[in-house]
Amino acid sequence: METEKFSEHMSVFVQVAQARSFSAVARGMGMAASSVSRQIDALEAELGICLFTRSTRALVLTDAGELLFERAVKILQDMADARDELISMERNVTGVLRVSCLPAFGRRHVVPHLSSLFEQYPKLCVELELTERIVDPVVDRVDAVLRVGQQPDSSLISQTIASQRYVICASPDYLLRHGTPATVQELNHHRLIDRGHRTSMRGWRELFSKDQVCEQAFAFQCNDCDSRRQAVLQGLGIGLVPDWSIGEVIGAGRVVELQLDDLIPQPETGIYLLRALPRASLKLRAFSDHLIRHIGSPPIWQQAMARVRPHPPAGSDPARGLIPSIHAEA
């Protein structure tokens, strides 16, 4: 017998045991007494036991029926309680939400918004895992994963949070001391800040061939986005940094965005919230809606950058477009 049918028949059994009558239960359910009787027959056939002693004057539980009735009442009550609890969770933003995120993005654009999220939903709890590794929502048992950049095809459900691009940038102090590069080749005379490449080729090396820029140009390499951002701010060199990390300090004038005359523009990529379940829970929808609302459209980092013009190379056309992003930060 299918589980659904067994549960249905057990519910009818409990009602018959309580009413001591097929016809009374049938009237309450709006069906024929014979239909109720057939459900009890099916349950007895499935279990291989008699649940009632039947006569023209009475319907009495057998010993097996008494045992099943005692267990069934508790089981059905537990099922009803679980259903009510789940419905309550869905109608109210409550419980624990487990989210995984790239450390730099989480520190800069998730954690700062949790205070206002908790003010709105005081019964919500967030477990935020900050990690560089690729987290699988199914295997790692998390509600959602925030990922940055172009994503491979997968069975995960994707929601776009914002857009991003990489920017070439340096501090005004660095440019004053070392000059502003006009072409990729001129980067050989500068100090570059880049992503670590032991396990990934993402970064500067995706933008040009090996013979265009010598290895000696890479003065500082680090797999941590916040550390590369700090290196740019300190004037250690020219960085290739995601706009969500550096955009607001560019808007404040502490860092200058550069253009290289011979670098081909590339399309923007996205920032995504990925989940395994087809339908997002109420607490996940509350989290994602809150994040999108506070990040804004266009996102706050791009709004900040729009207030200043990028720094063009010497002799270049200042009307040239900005250099969009390459791939994912992690």
C-alpha atoms as a PDB file:
ATOM      1  CA  MET A   1       0.000   0.000   0.000  1.00  0.00           C
ATOM      2  CA  GLU A   2       1.273   3.465  -0.840  1.00  0.00           C
ATOM      3  CA  THR A   3       2.287   5.620   2.126  1.00  0.00           C
ATOM      4  CA  GLU A   4      -0.315   8.266   1.233  1.00  0.00           C
ATOM      5  CA  LYS A   5      -3.086   5.661   1.147  1.00  0.00           C
ATOM      6  CA  PHE A   6      -1.931   4.092   4.384  1.00  0.00           C
ATOM      7  CA  SER A   7      -2.023   7.475   6.146  1.00  0.00           C
ATOM      8  CA  GLU A   8      -5.482   8.187   4.742  1.00  0.00           C
ATOM      9  CA  HIS A   9      -6.833   4.813   5.820  1.00  0.00           C
ATOM     10  CA  MET A  10      -5.274   5.128   9.253  1.00  0.00           C
ATOM     11  CA  SER A  11      -7.004   8.506   9.708  1.00  0.00           C
ATOM     12  CA  VAL A  12     -10.340   6.919   8.769  1.00  0.00           C
ATOM     13  CA  PHE A  13      -9.597   4.025  11.153  1.00  0.00           C
ATOM     14  CA  VAL A  14      -9.099   6.439  14.067  1.00  0.00           C
ATOM     15  CA  GLN A  15     -12.383   8.210  13.312  1.00  0.00           C
ATOM     16  CA  VAL A  16     -14.275   4.886  13.124  1.00  0.00           C
ATOM     17  CA  ALA A  17     -12.696   3.676  16.366  1.00  0.00           C
ATOM     18  CA  GLN A  18     -13.717   6.879  18.110  1.00  0.00           C
ATOM     19  CA  ALA A  19     -17.277   6.911  16.687  1.00  0.00           C
ATOM     20  CA  ARG A  20     -17.762   3.097  16.876  1.00  0.00           C
ATOM     21  CA  SER A  21     -19.714   3.470  13.647  1.00  0.00           C
ATOM     22  CA  PHE A  22     -19.049   3.352   9.887  1.00  0.00           C
ATOM     23  CA  SER A  23     -22.174   5.303   9.046  1.00  0.00           C
ATOM     24  CA  ALA A  24     -21.459   8.149  11.473  1.00  0.00           C
ATOM     25  CA  VAL A  25     -17.984   8.639   9.981  1.00  0.00           C
ATOM     26  CA  ALA A  26     -19.393   8.363   6.463  1.00  0.00           C
ATOM     27  CA  ARG A  27     -21.942  11.113   7.155  1.00  0.00           C
ATOM     28  CA  GLY A  28     -19.233  13.382   8.548  1.00  0.00           C
ATOM     29  CA  MET A  29     -17.024  12.814   5.497  1.00  0.00           C
ATOM     30  CA  GLY A  30     -19.885  13.084   3.005  1.00  0.00           C
ATOM     31  CA  MET A  31     -19.405   9.609   1.579  1.00  0.00           C
ATOM     32  CA  ALA A  32     -21.145   6.229   1.583  1.00  0.00           C
ATOM     33  CA  ALA A  33     -20.760   3.917   4.580  1.00  0.00           C
ATOM     34  CA  SER A  34     -19.611   1.181   2.199  1.00  0.00           C
ATOM     35  CA  SER A  35     -16.665   3.372   1.117  1.00  0.00           C
ATOM     36  CA  VAL A  36     -15.568   3.795   4.730  1.00  0.00           C
ATOM     37  CA  SER A  37     -15.897   0.070   5.284  1.00  0.00           C
ATOM     38  CA  ARG A  38     -13.758  -0.659   2.186  1.00  0.00           C
ATOM     39  CA  GLN A  39     -10.970   1.587   3.533  1.00  0.00           C
ATOM     40  CA  ILE A  40     -10.938  -0.332   6.820  1.00  0.00           C
ATOM     41  CA  ASP A  41     -10.939  -3.614   4.863  1.00  0.00           C
ATOM     42  CA  ALA A  42      -7.967  -2.397   2.839  1.00  0.00           C
ATOM     43  CA  LEU A  43      -6.071  -1.399   5.983  1.00  0.00           C
ATOM     44  CA  GLU A  44      -6.759  -4.807   7.593  1.00  0.00           C
ATOM     45  CA  ALA A  45      -5.636  -6.575   4.410  1.00  0.00           C
ATOM     46  CA  GLU A  46      -2.427  -4.543   4.323  1.00  0.00           C
ATOM     47  CA  LEU A  47      -1.635  -5.329   7.960  1.00  0.00           C
ATOM     48  CA  GLY A  48      -2.899  -8.934   7.830  1.00  0.00           C
ATOM     49  CA  ILE A  49      -4.925  -8.526  11.027  1.00  0.00           C
ATOM     50  CA  CYS A  50      -8.489  -7.778  12.116  1.00  0.00           C
ATOM     51  CA  LEU A  51      -8.921  -4.381  13.718  1.00  0.00           C
ATOM     52  CA  PHE A  52     -12.624  -4.616  14.595  1.00  0.00           C
ATOM     53  CA  THR A  53     -15.020  -7.263  15.799  1.00  0.00           C
ATOM     54  CA  ARG A  54     -18.185  -6.488  13.867  1.00  0.00           C
ATOM     55  CA  SER A  55     -21.791  -7.410  14.642  1.00  0.00           C
ATOM     56  CA  THR A  56     -25.204  -5.980  13.753  1.00  0.00           C
ATOM     57  CA  ARG A  57     -25.294  -4.183  17.094  1.00  0.00           C
ATOM     58  CA  ALA A  58     -21.685  -3.160  17.819  1.00  0.00           C
ATOM     59  CA  LEU A  59     -18.260  -2.356  16.385  1.00  0.00           C
ATOM     60  CA  VAL A  60     -15.530  -3.254  18.878  1.00  0.00           C
ATOM     61  CA  LEU A  61     -11.754  -2.890  18.583  1.00  0.00           C
ATOM     62  CA  THR A  62      -9.682  -6.051  18.758  1.00  0.00           C
ATOM     63  CA  ASP A  63      -6.494  -6.144  20.822  1.00  0.00           C
ATOM     64  CA  ALA A  64      -4.528  -5.331  17.666  1.00  0.00           C
ATOM     65  CA  GLY A  65      -7.008  -2.546  16.913  1.00  0.00           C
ATOM     66  CA  GLU A  66      -6.515  -1.104  20.400  1.00  0.00           C
ATOM     67  CA  LEU A  67      -2.745  -1.082  19.912  1.00  0.00           C
ATOM     68  CA  LEU A  68      -2.984   0.539  16.480  1.00  0.00           C
ATOM     69  CA  PHE A  69      -5.492   3.091  17.760  1.00  0.00           C
ATOM     70  CA  GLU A  70      -3.148   4.138  20.576  1.00  0.00           C
ATOM     71  CA  ARG A  71      -0.210   4.517  18.186  1.00  0.00           C
ATOM     72  CA  ALA A  72      -2.226   6.042  15.348  1.00  0.00           C
ATOM     73  CA  VAL A  73      -3.686   8.838  17.487  1.00  0.00           C
ATOM     74  CA  LYS A  74      -0.174   9.896  18.498  1.00  0.00           C
ATOM     75  CA  ILE A  75       1.206   9.590  14.954  1.00  0.00           C
ATOM     76  CA  LEU A  76      -1.622  11.617  13.437  1.00  0.00           C
ATOM     77  CA  GLN A  77      -1.287  14.275  16.139  1.00  0.00           C
ATOM     78  CA  ASP A  78       2.460  14.491  15.527  1.00  0.00           C
ATOM     79  CA  MET A  79       1.809  14.860  11.796  1.00  0.00           C
ATOM     80  CA  ALA A  80      -0.720  17.625  12.433  1.00  0.00           C
ATOM     81  CA  ASP A  81       1.688  19.414  14.775  1.00  0.00           C
ATOM     82  CA  ALA A  82       4.516  19.157  12.232  1.00  0.00           C
ATOM     83  CA  ARG A  83       2.253  20.494   9.495  1.00  0.00           C
ATOM     84  CA  ASP A  84       1.150  23.433  11.648  1.00  0.00           C
ATOM     85  CA  GLU A  85       4.762  24.163  12.593  1.00  0.00           C
ATOM     86  CA  LEU A  86       5.922  24.129   8.978  1.00  0.00           C
ATOM     87  CA  ILE A  87       3.053  26.355   7.882  1.00  0.00           C
ATOM     88  CA  SER A  88       3.861  28.738  10.716  1.00  0.00           C
ATOM     89  CA  MET A  89       7.522  28.836   9.634  1.00  0.00           C
ATOM     90  CA  GLU A  90       6.472  29.588   6.065  1.00  0.00           C
ATOM     91  CA  ARG A  91       4.076  32.325   7.103  1.00  0.00           C
ATOM     92  CA  ASN A  92       6.579  33.891   9.485  1.00  0.00           C
ATOM     93  CA  VAL A  93      10.234  34.608   8.762  1.00  0.00           C
ATOM     94  CA  THR A  94      11.775  32.500  11.479  1.00  0.00           C
ATOM     95  CA  GLY A  95      14.363  29.799  11.993  1.00  0.00           C
ATOM     96  CA  VAL A  96      17.977  29.345  10.873  1.00  0.00           C
ATOM     97  CA  LEU A  97      19.086  30.383   7.383  1.00  0.00           C
ATOM     98  CA  ARG A  98      22.393  28.866   6.254  1.00  0.00           C
ATOM     99  CA  VAL A  99      24.285  30.833   3.594  1.00  0.00           C
ATOM    100  CA  SER A 100      27.776  30.412   2.133  1.00  0.00           C
ATOM    101  CA  CYS A 101      29.642  33.335   0.576  1.00  0.00           C
ATOM    102  CA  LEU A 102      33.015  34.533  -0.711  1.00  0.00           C
ATOM    103  CA  PRO A 103      34.756  36.067   2.344  1.00  0.00           C
ATOM    104  CA  ALA A 104      35.481  39.524   0.891  1.00  0.00           C
ATOM    105  CA  PHE A 105      31.977  39.965  -0.529  1.00  0.00           C
ATOM    106  CA  GLY A 106      30.359  38.688   2.666  1.00  0.00           C
ATOM    107  CA  ARG A 107      32.326  41.079   4.877  1.00  0.00           C
ATOM    108  CA  ARG A 108      31.679  44.057   2.590  1.00  0.00           C
ATOM    109  CA  HIS A 109      28.108  43.532   1.359  1.00  0.00           C
ATOM    110  CA  VAL A 110      26.310  40.948   3.525  1.00  0.00           C
ATOM    111  CA  VAL A 111      27.331  41.408   7.172  1.00  0.00           C
ATOM    112  CA  PRO A 112      26.742  45.223   7.142  1.00  0.00           C
ATOM    113  CA  HIS A 113      23.069  44.619   6.253  1.00  0.00           C
ATOM    114  CA  LEU A 114      22.294  41.972   8.883  1.00  0.00           C
ATOM    115  CA  SER A 115      21.401  44.511  11.570  1.00  0.00           C
ATOM    116  CA  SER A 116      18.525  45.978   9.571  1.00  0.00           C
ATOM    117  CA  LEU A 117      17.496  42.465   8.478  1.00  0.00           C
ATOM    118  CA  PHE A 118      17.201  41.330  12.110  1.00  0.00           C
ATOM    119  CA  GLU A 119      15.283  44.479  13.041  1.00  0.00           C
ATOM    120  CA  GLN A 120      12.690  43.524  10.446  1.00  0.00           C
ATOM    121  CA  TYR A 121      12.739  39.780  11.213  1.00  0.00           C
ATOM    122  CA  PRO A 122      13.760  39.324  14.884  1.00  0.00           C
ATOM    123  CA  LYS A 123      13.066  35.561  14.847  1.00  0.00           C
ATOM    124  CA  LEU A 124      15.442  34.927  11.934  1.00  0.00           C
ATOM    125  CA  CYS A 125      18.932  33.525  12.562  1.00  0.00           C
ATOM    126  CA  VAL A 126      21.686  33.498   9.917  1.00  0.00           C
ATOM    127  CA  GLU A 127      24.608  31.078   9.772  1.00  0.00           C
ATOM    128  CA  LEU A 128      27.058  32.681   7.324  1.00  0.00           C
ATOM    129  CA  GLU A 129      29.998  30.604   6.111  1.00  0.00           C
ATOM    130  CA  LEU A 130      32.740  32.729   4.549  1.00  0.00           C
ATOM    131  CA  THR A 131      34.884  30.513   2.337  1.00  0.00           C
ATOM    132  CA  GLU A 132      36.817  30.519  -0.930  1.00  0.00           C
ATOM    133  CA  ARG A 133      35.842  26.922  -1.716  1.00  0.00           C
ATOM    134  CA  ILE A 134      32.982  26.048  -4.058  1.00  0.00           C
ATOM    135  CA  VAL A 135      30.112  25.052  -1.761  1.00  0.00           C
ATOM    136  CA  ASP A 136      27.397  22.676  -2.972  1.00  0.00           C
ATOM    137  CA  PRO A 137      24.031  23.556  -1.341  1.00  0.00           C
ATOM    138  CA  VAL A 138      22.941  19.912  -1.448  1.00  0.00           C
ATOM    139  CA  VAL A 139      26.130  18.248  -0.204  1.00  0.00           C
ATOM    140  CA  ASP A 140      26.953  20.961   2.357  1.00  0.00           C
ATOM    141  CA  ARG A 141      23.348  21.355   3.547  1.00  0.00           C
ATOM    142  CA  VAL A 142      23.064  25.120   3.155  1.00  0.00           C
ATOM    143  CA  ASP A 143      20.017  27.053   2.031  1.00  0.00           C
ATOM    144  CA  ALA A 144      21.874  29.172  -0.502  1.00  0.00           C
ATOM    145  CA  VAL A 145      25.297  30.091  -1.862  1.00  0.00           C
ATOM    146  CA  LEU A 146      26.381  33.569  -2.950  1.00  0.00           C
ATOM    147  CA  ARG A 147      28.769  33.318  -5.886  1.00  0.00           C
ATOM    148  CA  VAL A 148      30.505  36.018  -7.892  1.00  0.00           C
ATOM    149  CA  GLY A 149      31.202  35.950 -11.633  1.00  0.00           C
ATOM    150  CA  GLN A 150      30.345  33.657 -14.502  1.00  0.00           C
ATOM    151  CA  GLN A 151      28.922  30.352 -13.256  1.00  0.00           C
ATOM    152  CA  PRO A 152      29.110  26.913 -14.902  1.00  0.00           C
ATOM    153  CA  ASP A 153      25.900  25.229 -15.956  1.00  0.00           C
ATOM    154  CA  SER A 154      24.310  23.312 -13.117  1.00  0.00           C
ATOM    155  CA  SER A 155      20.993  22.129 -11.735  1.00  0.00           C
ATOM    156  CA  LEU A 156      21.020  24.897  -9.099  1.00  0.00           C
ATOM    157  CA  ILE A 157      18.373  27.623  -9.201  1.00  0.00           C
ATOM    158  CA  SER A 158      20.004  31.016  -9.752  1.00  0.00           C
ATOM    159  CA  GLN A 159      18.833  34.478  -8.679  1.00  0.00           C
ATOM    160  CA  THR A 160      20.790  37.534  -9.807  1.00  0.00           C
ATOM    161  CA  ILE A 161      21.709  39.833  -6.913  1.00  0.00           C
ATOM    162  CA  ALA A 162      23.763  42.451  -8.789  1.00  0.00           C
ATOM    163  CA  SER A 163      26.288  42.911 -11.605  1.00  0.00           C
ATOM    164  CA  GLN A 164      30.050  43.271 -11.352  1.00  0.00           C
ATOM    165  CA  ARG A 165      33.112  44.027 -13.467  1.00  0.00           C
ATOM    166  CA  TYR A 166      36.824  44.169 -12.846  1.00  0.00           C
ATOM    167  CA  VAL A 167      38.560  47.535 -12.845  1.00  0.00           C
ATOM    168  CA  ILE A 168      42.193  48.447 -13.368  1.00  0.00           C
ATOM    169  CA  CYS A 169      43.124  50.865 -10.635  1.00  0.00           C
ATOM    170  CA  ALA A 170      45.882  52.468  -8.603  1.00  0.00           C
ATOM    171  CA  SER A 171      46.255  55.064  -5.885  1.00  0.00           C
ATOM    172  CA  PRO A 172      46.912  58.691  -6.891  1.00  0.00           C
ATOM    173  CA  ASP A 173      50.200  58.481  -4.980  1.00  0.00           C
ATOM    174  CA  TYR A 174      51.382  55.479  -7.023  1.00  0.00           C
ATOM    175  CA  LEU A 175      50.525  57.207 -10.313  1.00  0.00           C
ATOM    176  CA  LEU A 176      52.303  60.370  -9.187  1.00  0.00           C
ATOM    177  CA  ARG A 177      55.459  58.371  -8.442  1.00  0.00           C
ATOM    178  CA  HIS A 178      55.404  55.912 -11.382  1.00  0.00           C
ATOM    179  CA  GLY A 179      53.252  57.512 -14.086  1.00  0.00           C
ATOM    180  CA  THR A 180      50.099  56.268 -15.804  1.00  0.00           C
ATOM    181  CA  PRO A 181      50.393  53.314 -18.232  1.00  0.00           C
ATOM    182  CA  ALA A 182      48.824  53.772 -21.674  1.00  0.00           C
ATOM    183  CA  THR A 183      49.112  50.214 -23.037  1.00  0.00           C
ATOM    184  CA  VAL A 184      49.442  46.632 -21.842  1.00  0.00           C
ATOM    185  CA  GLN A 185      53.126  46.655 -22.818  1.00  0.00           C
ATOM    186  CA  GLU A 186      53.777  49.583 -20.521  1.00  0.00           C
ATOM    187  CA  LEU A 187      52.667  47.444 -17.570  1.00  0.00           C
ATOM    188  CA  ASN A 188      56.147  45.866 -17.730  1.00  0.00           C
ATOM    189  CA  HIS A 189      57.454  49.086 -16.212  1.00  0.00           C
ATOM    190  CA  HIS A 190      54.947  48.976 -13.342  1.00  0.00           C
ATOM    191  CA  ARG A 191      54.282  46.888 -10.252  1.00  0.00           C
ATOM    192  CA  LEU A 192      51.160  44.734 -10.577  1.00  0.00           C
ATOM    193  CA  ILE A 193      48.881  43.434  -7.843  1.00  0.00           C
ATOM    194  CA  ASP A 194      47.290  40.150  -8.782  1.00  0.00           C
ATOM    195  CA  ARG A 195      45.334  37.148  -7.556  1.00  0.00           C
ATOM    196  CA  GLY A 196      47.370  34.133  -6.401  1.00  0.00           C
ATOM    197  CA  HIS A 197      47.721  31.573  -9.192  1.00  0.00           C
ATOM    198  CA  ARG A 198      48.619  28.280  -7.558  1.00  0.00           C
ATOM    199  CA  THR A 199      45.162  26.895  -8.229  1.00  0.00           C
ATOM    200  CA  SER A 200      43.636  29.504 -10.546  1.00  0.00           C
ATOM    201  CA  MET A 201      44.584  31.492 -13.646  1.00  0.00           C
ATOM    202  CA  ARG A 202      42.031  34.201 -12.983  1.00  0.00           C
ATOM    203  CA  GLY A 203      43.388  37.703 -12.862  1.00  0.00           C
ATOM    204  CA  TRP A 204      45.753  39.790 -14.976  1.00  0.00           C
ATOM    205  CA  ARG A 205      46.989  36.766 -16.933  1.00  0.00           C
ATOM    206  CA  GLU A 206      43.571  36.280 -18.515  1.00  0.00           C
ATOM    207  CA  LEU A 207      43.814  39.669 -20.179  1.00  0.00           C
ATOM    208  CA  PHE A 208      47.011  39.201 -22.157  1.00  0.00           C
ATOM    209  CA  SER A 209      49.462  36.612 -23.464  1.00  0.00           C
ATOM    210  CA  LYS A 210      52.588  35.479 -21.606  1.00  0.00           C
ATOM    211  CA  ASP A 211      54.934  37.507 -23.803  1.00  0.00           C
ATOM    212  CA  GLN A 212      53.090  40.794 -23.206  1.00  0.00           C
ATOM    213  CA  VAL A 213      53.942  41.239 -19.530  1.00  0.00           C
ATOM    214  CA  CYS A 214      56.964  39.752 -17.750  1.00  0.00           C
ATOM    215  CA  GLU A 215      56.605  37.837 -14.488  1.00  0.00           C
ATOM    216  CA  GLN A 216      58.755  40.408 -12.725  1.00  0.00           C
ATOM    217  CA  ALA A 217      55.895  42.897 -13.064  1.00  0.00           C
ATOM    218  CA  PHE A 218      53.832  40.951 -10.542  1.00  0.00           C
ATOM    219  CA  ALA A 219      55.009  42.570  -7.323  1.00  0.00           C
ATOM    220  CA  PHE A 220      52.255  41.276  -5.037  1.00  0.00           C
ATOM    221  CA  GLN A 221      50.032  38.206  -5.452  1.00  0.00           C
ATOM    222  CA  CYS A 222      47.400  37.160  -2.938  1.00  0.00           C
ATOM    223  CA  ASN A 223      44.293  34.973  -3.021  1.00  0.00           C
ATOM    224  CA  ASP A 224      42.450  37.341  -0.649  1.00  0.00           C
ATOM    225  CA  CYS A 225      40.488  40.109  -2.361  1.00  0.00           C
ATOM    226  CA  ASP A 226      40.514  42.427   0.668  1.00  0.00           C
ATOM    227  CA  SER A 227      44.314  42.179   0.880  1.00  0.00           C
ATOM    228  CA  ARG A 228      44.681  43.135  -2.791  1.00  0.00           C
ATOM    229  CA  ARG A 229      42.330  46.055  -2.217  1.00  0.00           C
ATOM    230  CA  GLN A 230      44.441  47.195   0.728  1.00  0.00           C
ATOM    231  CA  ALA A 231      47.612  46.875  -1.367  1.00  0.00           C
ATOM    232  CA  VAL A 232      46.114  49.187  -4.006  1.00  0.00           C
ATOM    233  CA  LEU A 233      45.121  51.707  -1.337  1.00  0.00           C
ATOM    234  CA  GLN A 234      48.650  51.656   0.069  1.00  0.00           C
ATOM    235  CA  GLY A 235      50.147  52.450  -3.335  1.00  0.00           C
ATOM    236  CA  LEU A 236      51.938  49.109  -3.768  1.00  0.00           C
ATOM    237  CA  GLY A 237      51.001  48.874  -7.449  1.00  0.00           C
ATOM    238  CA  ILE A 238      48.272  48.645 -10.093  1.00  0.00           C
ATOM    239  CA  GLY A 239      45.484  46.233  -9.257  1.00  0.00           C
ATOM    240  CA  LEU A 240      42.843  44.340 -11.179  1.00  0.00           C
ATOM    241  CA  VAL A 241      40.043  44.350  -8.618  1.00  0.00           C
ATOM    242  CA  PRO A 242      36.261  43.663  -8.730  1.00  0.00           C
ATOM    243  CA  ASP A 243      34.229  46.864  -8.625  1.00  0.00           C
ATOM    244  CA  TRP A 244      32.215  45.653  -5.615  1.00  0.00           C
ATOM    245  CA  SER A 245      35.462  45.663  -3.634  1.00  0.00           C
ATOM    246  CA  ILE A 246      36.985  48.957  -4.795  1.00  0.00           C
ATOM    247  CA  GLY A 247      34.106  51.027  -6.245  1.00  0.00           C
ATOM    248  CA  GLU A 248      33.290  53.084  -3.174  1.00  0.00           C
ATOM    249  CA  VAL A 249      36.908  54.179  -2.586  1.00  0.00           C
ATOM    250  CA  ILE A 250      37.148  55.088  -6.268  1.00  0.00           C
ATOM    251  CA  GLY A 251      34.058  57.242  -5.764  1.00  0.00           C
ATOM    252  CA  ALA A 252      35.760  58.858  -2.762  1.00  0.00           C
ATOM    253  CA  GLY A 253      38.849  59.686  -4.846  1.00  0.00           C
ATOM    254  CA  ARG A 254      41.216  57.474  -2.851  1.00  0.00           C
ATOM    255  CA  VAL A 255      41.822  55.206  -5.856  1.00  0.00           C
ATOM    256  CA  VAL A 256      41.823  56.028  -9.577  1.00  0.00           C
ATOM    257  CA  GLU A 257      40.341  53.778 -12.271  1.00  0.00           C
ATOM    258  CA  LEU A 258      42.601  53.437 -15.319  1.00  0.00           C
ATOM    259  CA  GLN A 259      42.077  52.615 -18.979  1.00  0.00           C
ATOM    260  CA  LEU A 260      44.567  50.812 -21.197  1.00  0.00           C
ATOM    261  CA  ASP A 261      44.298  51.849 -24.815  1.00  0.00           C
ATOM    262  CA  ASP A 262      44.781  48.364 -26.298  1.00  0.00           C
ATOM    263  CA  LEU A 263      42.731  46.252 -23.875  1.00  0.00           C
ATOM    264  CA  ILE A 264      39.554  44.788 -25.382  1.00  0.00           C
ATOM    265  CA  PRO A 265      36.434  45.479 -23.270  1.00  0.00           C
ATOM    266  CA  GLN A 266      34.738  42.392 -21.885  1.00  0.00           C
ATOM    267  CA  PRO A 267      31.123  41.922 -20.712  1.00  0.00           C
ATOM    268  CA  GLU A 268      29.944  42.290 -17.156  1.00  0.00           C
ATOM    269  CA  THR A 269      29.231  39.223 -15.088  1.00  0.00           C
ATOM    270  CA  GLY A 270      26.808  38.745 -12.239  1.00  0.00           C
ATOM    271  CA  ILE A 271      26.598  38.106  -8.536  1.00  0.00           C
ATOM    272  CA  TYR A 272      24.215  35.240  -7.875  1.00  0.00           C
ATOM    273  CA  LEU A 273      22.309  33.570  -5.078  1.00  0.00           C
ATOM    274  CA  LEU A 274      22.141  29.841  -5.845  1.00  0.00           C
ATOM    275  CA  ARG A 275      19.858  27.305  -4.195  1.00  0.00           C
ATOM    276  CA  ALA A 276      18.984  23.652  -4.730  1.00  0.00           C
ATOM    277  CA  LEU A 277      15.231  23.753  -4.056  1.00  0.00           C
ATOM    278  CA  PRO A 278      12.903  24.883  -6.869  1.00  0.00           C
ATOM    279  CA  ARG A 279      10.942  27.089  -4.484  1.00  0.00           C
ATOM    280  CA  ALA A 280      12.734  29.471  -2.140  1.00  0.00           C
ATOM    281  CA  SER A 281      11.598  29.433   1.488  1.00  0.00           C
ATOM    282  CA  LEU A 282      10.114  32.560   3.003  1.00  0.00           C
ATOM    283  CA  LYS A 283      13.251  33.188   5.079  1.00  0.00           C
ATOM    284  CA  LEU A 284      15.482  32.899   1.987  1.00  0.00           C
ATOM    285  CA  ARG A 285      13.219  35.250   0.018  1.00  0.00           C
ATOM    286  CA  ALA A 286      13.331  37.729   2.905  1.00  0.00           C
ATOM    287  CA  PHE A 287      17.153  37.537   2.956  1.00  0.00           C
ATOM    288  CA  SER A 288      17.610  37.914  -0.812  1.00  0.00           C
ATOM    289  CA  ASP A 289      15.028  40.712  -1.141  1.00  0.00           C
ATOM    290  CA  HIS A 290      16.685  42.586   1.723  1.00  0.00           C
ATOM    291  CA  LEU A 291      20.142  42.181   0.170  1.00  0.00           C
ATOM    292  CA  ILE A 292      19.010  43.299  -3.287  1.00  0.00           C
ATOM    293  CA  ARG A 293      17.186  46.310  -1.832  1.00  0.00           C
ATOM    294  CA  HIS A 294      20.245  47.490   0.104  1.00  0.00           C
ATOM    295  CA  ILE A 295      22.760  46.817  -2.667  1.00  0.00           C
ATOM    296  CA  GLY A 296      20.557  48.714  -5.093  1.00  0.00           C
ATOM    297  CA  SER A 297      20.203  48.795  -8.876  1.00  0.00           C
ATOM    298  CA  PRO A 298      22.652  49.797 -10.186  1.00  0.00           C
ATOM    299  CA  PRO A 299      24.609  48.507  -7.178  1.00  0.00           C
ATOM    300  CA  ILE A 300      25.987  51.017  -4.691  1.00  0.00           C
ATOM    301  CA  TRP A 301      29.586  50.481  -5.808  1.00  0.00           C
ATOM    302  CA  GLN A 302      28.721  51.370  -9.418  1.00  0.00           C
ATOM    303  CA  GLN A 303      26.727  54.387  -8.267  1.00  0.00           C
ATOM    304  CA  ALA A 304      29.819  55.618  -6.396  1.00  0.00           C
ATOM    305  CA  MET A 305      32.060  55.098  -9.417  1.00  0.00           C
ATOM    306  CA  ALA A 306      29.635  56.944 -11.702  1.00  0.00           C
ATOM    307  CA  ARG A 307      30.423  60.154  -9.813  1.00  0.00           C
ATOM    308  CA  VAL A 308      33.997  60.187 -11.165  1.00  0.00           C
ATOM    309  CA  ARG A 309      35.569  59.725 -14.579  1.00  0.00           C
ATOM    310  CA  PRO A 310      38.099  56.938 -15.195  1.00  0.00           C
ATOM    311  CA  HIS A 311      41.701  58.094 -15.615  1.00  0.00           C
ATOM    312  CA  PRO A 312      42.617  57.739 -19.341  1.00  0.00           C
ATOM    313  CA  PRO A 313      46.159  56.958 -20.490  1.00  0.00           C
ATOM    314  CA  ALA A 314      48.264  59.743 -21.955  1.00  0.00           C
ATOM    315  CA  GLY A 315      47.285  60.549 -25.547  1.00  0.00           C
ATOM    316  CA  SER A 316      44.201  58.329 -25.509  1.00  0.00           C
ATOM    317  CA  ASP A 317      40.642  59.184 -26.387  1.00  0.00           C
ATOM    318  CA  PRO A 318      38.876  59.957 -23.062  1.00  0.00           C
ATOM    319  CA  ALA A 319      35.554  58.946 -24.609  1.00  0.00           C
ATOM    320  CA  ARG A 320      36.603  55.272 -24.739  1.00  0.00           C
ATOM    321  CA  GLY A 321      34.479  52.894 -22.649  1.00  0.00           C
ATOM    322  CA  LEU A 322      35.414  51.465 -19.299  1.00  0.00           C
ATOM    323  CA  ILE A 323      37.043  48.069 -19.021  1.00  0.00           C
ATOM    324  CA  PRO A 324      34.399  45.584 -17.813  1.00  0.00           C
ATOM    325  CA  SER A 325      34.985  42.475 -15.764  1.00  0.00           C
ATOM    326  CA  ILE A 326      36.800  39.293 -16.656  1.00  0.00           C
ATOM    327  CA  HIS A 327      35.593  36.216 -14.775  1.00  0.00           C
ATOM    328  CA  ALA A 328      34.662  35.278 -11.252  1.00  0.00           C
ATOM    329  CA  GLU A 329      36.506  36.426  -8.166  1.00  0.00           C
ATOM    330  CA  ALA A 330      36.030  33.000  -6.648  1.00  0.00           C
END
